[in-house]
Amino acid sequence: MTDRSDSGARGVRQYSAKKFVACVAGLLLVGTGVWFALTTGLQRLPSKVCDGAVDRGLVIRTLPRTRTADEGAERRREGTDLRFSCHVYTSADSILSGVARVDDASPQTWLAHYGGSGARRTVRVSSDGIEALAEIDGEGTSSSVYVACTPRGVRAGSANQSYAVVAEAHVVGKTRVSGVTLGQALTDFAYQLTNHAYELAECKEPRRFPDELPRYKDRR
């Protein structure tokens, strides 16, 4: 004959075990939900940020996981005064920003300004008249892209040197990558801003922008 006290004890143990498993499962679900909420801010951005200028995937490859993220863009003026800026702010205090503008500058002037510091290591590439560089040493990493552009309604001869779209990109705070890889990401960011500003300026020079510039990987 079965002892009712033993049967009751087994029932209590089984109930306790099920309750424990349910609690653990619940905690895992809650933890997963919290982790998801805290780390997917970038994934909730539009597929193209900054008025369609930059791929979200590039932002995700550059910035670390974050609970929330905000993006925005601003266009100012036209012609030789055109300026287009883009930013991505995160709750993790990381900021990715860039600006592309029409400038009166030759390739030599651009290079002297953005790549002339001997204290920082610079990598540089070019493709069919599009120049790009990244400074990857020192306290921060930055990048710039240059492409000749005479805006609609402007005479090329009115420039002191030559008209161009010049873009620059910076990052503040923690990043997902570092070194040359970060320099490449910032260059890609600046390059996409350059492409967008080139269209906004309605540059006279016919040009096809390749999907991406040559990689820095062989220039470490």
C-alpha atoms as a PDB file:
ATOM      1  CA  MET A   1       0.000   0.000   0.000  1.00  0.00           C
ATOM      2  CA  THR A   2       1.366   3.468  -0.961  1.00  0.00           C
ATOM      3  CA  ASP A   3       2.131   5.803   1.878  1.00  0.00           C
ATOM      4  CA  ARG A   4       0.076   8.944   1.355  1.00  0.00           C
ATOM      5  CA  SER A   5       2.769  11.068   2.953  1.00  0.00           C
ATOM      6  CA  ASP A   6       5.385   9.830   0.421  1.00  0.00           C
ATOM      7  CA  SER A   7       2.998  10.454  -2.447  1.00  0.00           C
ATOM      8  CA  GLY A   8       2.310  13.949  -1.214  1.00  0.00           C
ATOM      9  CA  ALA A   9       5.997  14.695  -0.828  1.00  0.00           C
ATOM     10  CA  ARG A  10       6.670  13.566  -4.389  1.00  0.00           C
ATOM     11  CA  GLY A  11       3.848  15.755  -5.616  1.00  0.00           C
ATOM     12  CA  VAL A  12       5.280  18.760  -3.805  1.00  0.00           C
ATOM     13  CA  ARG A  13       8.738  18.091  -5.236  1.00  0.00           C
ATOM     14  CA  GLN A  14       7.358  17.741  -8.778  1.00  0.00           C
ATOM     15  CA  TYR A  15       5.355  20.939  -8.389  1.00  0.00           C
ATOM     16  CA  SER A  16       8.405  22.756  -7.038  1.00  0.00           C
ATOM     17  CA  ALA A  17      10.556  21.493  -9.906  1.00  0.00           C
ATOM     18  CA  LYS A  18       8.010  22.643 -12.492  1.00  0.00           C
ATOM     19  CA  LYS A  19       7.686  25.974 -10.770  1.00  0.00           C
ATOM     20  CA  PHE A  20      11.471  26.360 -10.747  1.00  0.00           C
ATOM     21  CA  VAL A  21      11.733  25.526 -14.462  1.00  0.00           C
ATOM     22  CA  ALA A  22       8.913  27.958 -15.234  1.00  0.00           C
ATOM     23  CA  CYS A  23      10.620  30.698 -13.226  1.00  0.00           C
ATOM     24  CA  VAL A  24      13.947  30.115 -14.973  1.00  0.00           C
ATOM     25  CA  ALA A  25      12.251  30.148 -18.374  1.00  0.00           C
ATOM     26  CA  GLY A  26      10.436  33.333 -17.451  1.00  0.00           C
ATOM     27  CA  LEU A  27      13.617  35.004 -16.312  1.00  0.00           C
ATOM     28  CA  LEU A  28      15.378  33.969 -19.514  1.00  0.00           C
ATOM     29  CA  LEU A  29      12.570  35.438 -21.588  1.00  0.00           C
ATOM     30  CA  VAL A  30      12.623  38.653 -19.607  1.00  0.00           C
ATOM     31  CA  GLY A  31      16.414  38.812 -19.803  1.00  0.00           C
ATOM     32  CA  THR A  32      16.341  38.196 -23.552  1.00  0.00           C
ATOM     33  CA  GLY A  33      13.701  40.874 -23.968  1.00  0.00           C
ATOM     34  CA  VAL A  34      15.694  43.363 -21.920  1.00  0.00           C
ATOM     35  CA  TRP A  35      18.901  42.535 -23.823  1.00  0.00           C
ATOM     36  CA  PHE A  36      17.078  42.929 -27.123  1.00  0.00           C
ATOM     37  CA  ALA A  37      15.611  46.251 -26.055  1.00  0.00           C
ATOM     38  CA  LEU A  38      18.965  47.495 -24.832  1.00  0.00           C
ATOM     39  CA  THR A  39      21.015  46.490 -27.879  1.00  0.00           C
ATOM     40  CA  THR A  40      18.930  46.949 -31.031  1.00  0.00           C
ATOM     41  CA  GLY A  41      18.637  50.718 -31.285  1.00  0.00           C
ATOM     42  CA  LEU A  42      20.686  50.836 -34.481  1.00  0.00           C
ATOM     43  CA  GLN A  43      18.641  48.080 -36.116  1.00  0.00           C
ATOM     44  CA  ARG A  44      15.503  50.176 -35.624  1.00  0.00           C
ATOM     45  CA  LEU A  45      16.891  53.025 -37.711  1.00  0.00           C
ATOM     46  CA  PRO A  46      15.629  53.432 -41.310  1.00  0.00           C
ATOM     47  CA  SER A  47      17.384  51.250 -43.873  1.00  0.00           C
ATOM     48  CA  LYS A  48      18.815  54.486 -45.317  1.00  0.00           C
ATOM     49  CA  VAL A  49      19.612  57.163 -42.760  1.00  0.00           C
ATOM     50  CA  CYS A  50      20.102  60.903 -43.244  1.00  0.00           C
ATOM     51  CA  ASP A  51      17.516  61.494 -45.970  1.00  0.00           C
ATOM     52  CA  GLY A  52      18.552  58.316 -47.772  1.00  0.00           C
ATOM     53  CA  ALA A  53      22.229  59.223 -47.968  1.00  0.00           C
ATOM     54  CA  VAL A  54      23.834  56.430 -45.898  1.00  0.00           C
ATOM     55  CA  ASP A  55      23.199  52.697 -45.534  1.00  0.00           C
ATOM     56  CA  ARG A  56      22.088  51.632 -42.051  1.00  0.00           C
ATOM     57  CA  GLY A  57      24.338  48.570 -42.300  1.00  0.00           C
ATOM     58  CA  LEU A  58      27.378  50.837 -42.420  1.00  0.00           C
ATOM     59  CA  VAL A  59      26.268  52.546 -39.206  1.00  0.00           C
ATOM     60  CA  ILE A  60      25.737  49.164 -37.519  1.00  0.00           C
ATOM     61  CA  ARG A  61      29.230  48.026 -38.541  1.00  0.00           C
ATOM     62  CA  THR A  62      30.740  51.187 -37.074  1.00  0.00           C
ATOM     63  CA  LEU A  63      28.935  51.828 -33.779  1.00  0.00           C
ATOM     64  CA  PRO A  64      28.465  49.448 -30.819  1.00  0.00           C
ATOM     65  CA  ARG A  65      25.127  48.062 -29.656  1.00  0.00           C
ATOM     66  CA  THR A  66      22.859  50.609 -28.028  1.00  0.00           C
ATOM     67  CA  ARG A  67      19.404  50.849 -26.491  1.00  0.00           C
ATOM     68  CA  THR A  68      18.282  53.752 -28.659  1.00  0.00           C
ATOM     69  CA  ALA A  69      19.644  55.653 -31.635  1.00  0.00           C
ATOM     70  CA  ASP A  70      18.616  58.805 -33.430  1.00  0.00           C
ATOM     71  CA  GLU A  71      19.593  59.983 -36.909  1.00  0.00           C
ATOM     72  CA  GLY A  72      19.148  63.207 -38.783  1.00  0.00           C
ATOM     73  CA  ALA A  73      20.350  65.335 -41.658  1.00  0.00           C
ATOM     74  CA  GLU A  74      20.389  68.979 -42.626  1.00  0.00           C
ATOM     75  CA  ARG A  75      20.854  70.697 -45.958  1.00  0.00           C
ATOM     76  CA  ARG A  76      21.912  74.322 -46.115  1.00  0.00           C
ATOM     77  CA  ARG A  77      22.055  76.678 -49.078  1.00  0.00           C
ATOM     78  CA  GLU A  78      22.832  75.742 -52.697  1.00  0.00           C
ATOM     79  CA  GLY A  79      25.467  76.064 -55.399  1.00  0.00           C
ATOM     80  CA  THR A  80      28.917  76.933 -54.141  1.00  0.00           C
ATOM     81  CA  ASP A  81      27.567  77.259 -50.593  1.00  0.00           C
ATOM     82  CA  LEU A  82      25.881  73.856 -50.462  1.00  0.00           C
ATOM     83  CA  ARG A  83      26.390  71.986 -47.199  1.00  0.00           C
ATOM     84  CA  PHE A  84      24.829  68.634 -46.243  1.00  0.00           C
ATOM     85  CA  SER A  85      25.361  67.195 -42.760  1.00  0.00           C
ATOM     86  CA  CYS A  86      24.441  63.859 -41.214  1.00  0.00           C
ATOM     87  CA  HIS A  87      24.553  62.473 -37.674  1.00  0.00           C
ATOM     88  CA  VAL A  88      23.709  59.332 -35.718  1.00  0.00           C
ATOM     89  CA  TYR A  89      23.450  59.732 -31.933  1.00  0.00           C
ATOM     90  CA  THR A  90      23.163  56.758 -29.568  1.00  0.00           C
ATOM     91  CA  SER A  91      22.196  56.324 -25.918  1.00  0.00           C
ATOM     92  CA  ALA A  92      25.610  54.693 -25.465  1.00  0.00           C
ATOM     93  CA  ASP A  93      27.190  58.147 -25.994  1.00  0.00           C
ATOM     94  CA  SER A  94      28.653  57.184 -29.374  1.00  0.00           C
ATOM     95  CA  ILE A  95      28.216  59.687 -32.197  1.00  0.00           C
ATOM     96  CA  LEU A  96      28.874  59.192 -35.908  1.00  0.00           C
ATOM     97  CA  SER A  97      28.755  62.408 -37.912  1.00  0.00           C
ATOM     98  CA  GLY A  98      29.819  63.844 -41.210  1.00  0.00           C
ATOM     99  CA  VAL A  99      29.406  66.760 -43.552  1.00  0.00           C
ATOM    100  CA  ALA A 100      29.761  67.165 -47.314  1.00  0.00           C
ATOM    101  CA  ARG A 101      30.049  70.612 -48.836  1.00  0.00           C
ATOM    102  CA  VAL A 102      30.946  72.345 -52.076  1.00  0.00           C
ATOM    103  CA  ASP A 103      34.358  73.926 -51.628  1.00  0.00           C
ATOM    104  CA  ASP A 104      36.869  75.934 -53.635  1.00  0.00           C
ATOM    105  CA  ALA A 105      39.874  73.652 -53.300  1.00  0.00           C
ATOM    106  CA  SER A 106      42.308  71.747 -55.481  1.00  0.00           C
ATOM    107  CA  PRO A 107      43.285  68.143 -54.742  1.00  0.00           C
ATOM    108  CA  GLN A 108      46.630  69.430 -53.453  1.00  0.00           C
ATOM    109  CA  THR A 109      44.953  71.870 -51.057  1.00  0.00           C
ATOM    110  CA  TRP A 110      42.590  69.153 -49.835  1.00  0.00           C
ATOM    111  CA  LEU A 111      45.465  66.747 -49.231  1.00  0.00           C
ATOM    112  CA  ALA A 112      47.535  69.360 -47.406  1.00  0.00           C
ATOM    113  CA  HIS A 113      44.602  70.154 -45.117  1.00  0.00           C
ATOM    114  CA  TYR A 114      43.361  66.656 -44.303  1.00  0.00           C
ATOM    115  CA  GLY A 115      46.463  64.538 -44.671  1.00  0.00           C
ATOM    116  CA  GLY A 116      49.271  66.920 -43.892  1.00  0.00           C
ATOM    117  CA  SER A 117      49.784  66.099 -40.202  1.00  0.00           C
ATOM    118  CA  GLY A 118      52.983  64.126 -39.731  1.00  0.00           C
ATOM    119  CA  ALA A 119      51.961  63.055 -36.228  1.00  0.00           C
ATOM    120  CA  ARG A 120      49.233  60.711 -37.446  1.00  0.00           C
ATOM    121  CA  ARG A 121      49.352  57.728 -39.775  1.00  0.00           C
ATOM    122  CA  THR A 122      47.383  58.271 -42.960  1.00  0.00           C
ATOM    123  CA  VAL A 123      46.060  55.750 -45.466  1.00  0.00           C
ATOM    124  CA  ARG A 124      44.909  56.955 -48.868  1.00  0.00           C
ATOM    125  CA  VAL A 125      43.168  55.599 -51.969  1.00  0.00           C
ATOM    126  CA  SER A 126      41.849  57.022 -55.231  1.00  0.00           C
ATOM    127  CA  SER A 127      39.484  55.861 -57.952  1.00  0.00           C
ATOM    128  CA  ASP A 128      38.831  57.670 -61.232  1.00  0.00           C
ATOM    129  CA  GLY A 129      39.402  61.123 -59.776  1.00  0.00           C
ATOM    130  CA  ILE A 130      37.800  60.424 -56.401  1.00  0.00           C
ATOM    131  CA  GLU A 131      40.320  60.877 -53.592  1.00  0.00           C
ATOM    132  CA  ALA A 132      39.941  59.513 -50.065  1.00  0.00           C
ATOM    133  CA  LEU A 133      42.050  59.274 -46.948  1.00  0.00           C
ATOM    134  CA  ALA A 134      41.790  58.346 -43.291  1.00  0.00           C
ATOM    135  CA  GLU A 135      43.923  59.401 -40.352  1.00  0.00           C
ATOM    136  CA  ILE A 136      44.016  56.492 -37.934  1.00  0.00           C
ATOM    137  CA  ASP A 137      46.593  57.402 -35.300  1.00  0.00           C
ATOM    138  CA  GLY A 138      46.335  59.710 -32.343  1.00  0.00           C
ATOM    139  CA  GLU A 139      43.332  60.330 -30.112  1.00  0.00           C
ATOM    140  CA  GLY A 140      40.719  59.917 -32.830  1.00  0.00           C
ATOM    141  CA  THR A 141      40.091  58.551 -36.303  1.00  0.00           C
ATOM    142  CA  SER A 142      38.725  60.695 -39.114  1.00  0.00           C
ATOM    143  CA  SER A 143      38.299  60.525 -42.869  1.00  0.00           C
ATOM    144  CA  SER A 144      37.771  62.782 -45.861  1.00  0.00           C
ATOM    145  CA  VAL A 145      36.752  62.341 -49.509  1.00  0.00           C
ATOM    146  CA  TYR A 146      37.332  64.720 -52.428  1.00  0.00           C
ATOM    147  CA  VAL A 147      35.763  64.800 -55.898  1.00  0.00           C
ATOM    148  CA  ALA A 148      35.749  67.619 -58.462  1.00  0.00           C
ATOM    149  CA  CYS A 149      32.327  69.228 -58.915  1.00  0.00           C
ATOM    150  CA  THR A 150      31.103  72.380 -60.619  1.00  0.00           C
ATOM    151  CA  PRO A 151      27.593  72.998 -59.264  1.00  0.00           C
ATOM    152  CA  ARG A 152      24.693  73.785 -61.589  1.00  0.00           C
ATOM    153  CA  GLY A 153      24.566  77.448 -62.564  1.00  0.00           C
ATOM    154  CA  VAL A 154      28.210  78.119 -61.631  1.00  0.00           C
ATOM    155  CA  ARG A 155      31.115  78.808 -64.006  1.00  0.00           C
ATOM    156  CA  ALA A 156      34.117  76.587 -63.349  1.00  0.00           C
ATOM    157  CA  GLY A 157      36.431  79.526 -64.045  1.00  0.00           C
ATOM    158  CA  SER A 158      34.987  81.522 -61.166  1.00  0.00           C
ATOM    159  CA  ALA A 159      36.807  79.327 -58.618  1.00  0.00           C
ATOM    160  CA  ASN A 160      40.155  80.459 -57.274  1.00  0.00           C
ATOM    161  CA  GLN A 161      41.362  76.846 -57.499  1.00  0.00           C
ATOM    162  CA  SER A 162      38.653  74.375 -58.550  1.00  0.00           C
ATOM    163  CA  TYR A 163      35.222  73.501 -57.229  1.00  0.00           C
ATOM    164  CA  ALA A 164      34.777  70.176 -55.498  1.00  0.00           C
ATOM    165  CA  VAL A 165      32.599  68.280 -53.095  1.00  0.00           C
ATOM    166  CA  VAL A 166      34.620  67.667 -49.938  1.00  0.00           C
ATOM    167  CA  ALA A 167      33.274  65.370 -47.243  1.00  0.00           C
ATOM    168  CA  GLU A 168      34.606  64.556 -43.795  1.00  0.00           C
ATOM    169  CA  ALA A 169      33.511  62.049 -41.180  1.00  0.00           C
ATOM    170  CA  HIS A 170      34.223  61.650 -37.472  1.00  0.00           C
ATOM    171  CA  VAL A 171      33.230  59.397 -34.607  1.00  0.00           C
ATOM    172  CA  VAL A 172      33.052  60.193 -30.892  1.00  0.00           C
ATOM    173  CA  GLY A 173      32.884  57.605 -28.120  1.00  0.00           C
ATOM    174  CA  LYS A 174      33.122  53.842 -28.365  1.00  0.00           C
ATOM    175  CA  THR A 175      33.123  52.065 -31.725  1.00  0.00           C
ATOM    176  CA  ARG A 176      32.604  48.503 -32.895  1.00  0.00           C
ATOM    177  CA  VAL A 177      35.882  48.464 -34.834  1.00  0.00           C
ATOM    178  CA  SER A 178      39.229  50.239 -34.610  1.00  0.00           C
ATOM    179  CA  GLY A 179      42.398  51.066 -36.537  1.00  0.00           C
ATOM    180  CA  VAL A 180      42.349  50.747 -40.314  1.00  0.00           C
ATOM    181  CA  THR A 181      38.949  49.030 -40.175  1.00  0.00           C
ATOM    182  CA  LEU A 182      37.462  52.062 -38.456  1.00  0.00           C
ATOM    183  CA  GLY A 183      39.211  54.341 -40.950  1.00  0.00           C
ATOM    184  CA  GLN A 184      37.603  52.321 -43.743  1.00  0.00           C
ATOM    185  CA  ALA A 185      34.155  52.602 -42.172  1.00  0.00           C
ATOM    186  CA  LEU A 186      34.471  56.370 -41.805  1.00  0.00           C
ATOM    187  CA  THR A 187      35.698  56.671 -45.388  1.00  0.00           C
ATOM    188  CA  ASP A 188      32.709  54.679 -46.622  1.00  0.00           C
ATOM    189  CA  PHE A 189      30.467  56.993 -44.571  1.00  0.00           C
ATOM    190  CA  ALA A 190      32.101  60.110 -46.040  1.00  0.00           C
ATOM    191  CA  TYR A 191      31.969  58.586 -49.531  1.00  0.00           C
ATOM    192  CA  GLN A 192      28.221  58.013 -49.338  1.00  0.00           C
ATOM    193  CA  LEU A 193      27.752  61.604 -48.159  1.00  0.00           C
ATOM    194  CA  THR A 194      29.896  62.734 -51.105  1.00  0.00           C
ATOM    195  CA  ASN A 195      27.717  60.837 -53.557  1.00  0.00           C
ATOM    196  CA  HIS A 196      24.568  62.374 -52.057  1.00  0.00           C
ATOM    197  CA  ALA A 197      25.948  65.927 -52.048  1.00  0.00           C
ATOM    198  CA  TYR A 198      27.140  65.497 -55.645  1.00  0.00           C
ATOM    199  CA  GLU A 199      23.534  64.824 -56.652  1.00  0.00           C
ATOM    200  CA  LEU A 200      22.198  67.723 -54.562  1.00  0.00           C
ATOM    201  CA  ALA A 201      24.675  70.117 -56.173  1.00  0.00           C
ATOM    202  CA  GLU A 202      23.755  68.825 -59.651  1.00  0.00           C
ATOM    203  CA  CYS A 203      27.417  68.816 -60.557  1.00  0.00           C
ATOM    204  CA  LYS A 204      28.083  69.397 -64.241  1.00  0.00           C
ATOM    205  CA  GLU A 205      30.814  66.777 -64.648  1.00  0.00           C
ATOM    206  CA  PRO A 206      29.325  63.427 -65.764  1.00  0.00           C
ATOM    207  CA  ARG A 207      30.424  60.831 -63.243  1.00  0.00           C
ATOM    208  CA  ARG A 208      29.627  57.296 -62.188  1.00  0.00           C
ATOM    209  CA  PHE A 209      30.219  56.561 -58.519  1.00  0.00           C
ATOM    210  CA  PRO A 210      31.339  52.944 -57.938  1.00  0.00           C
ATOM    211  CA  ASP A 211      29.614  51.000 -55.187  1.00  0.00           C
ATOM    212  CA  GLU A 212      32.664  51.447 -52.995  1.00  0.00           C
ATOM    213  CA  LEU A 213      36.175  52.865 -53.107  1.00  0.00           C
ATOM    214  CA  PRO A 214      39.294  50.658 -53.079  1.00  0.00           C
ATOM    215  CA  ARG A 215      39.890  49.093 -49.674  1.00  0.00           C
ATOM    216  CA  TYR A 216      42.601  50.144 -47.239  1.00  0.00           C
ATOM    217  CA  LYS A 217      43.319  46.527 -46.291  1.00  0.00           C
ATOM    218  CA  ASP A 218      46.496  46.372 -48.360  1.00  0.00           C
ATOM    219  CA  ARG A 219      47.778  49.661 -46.927  1.00  0.00           C
ATOM    220  CA  ARG A 220      48.171  48.756 -43.263  1.00  0.00           C
END
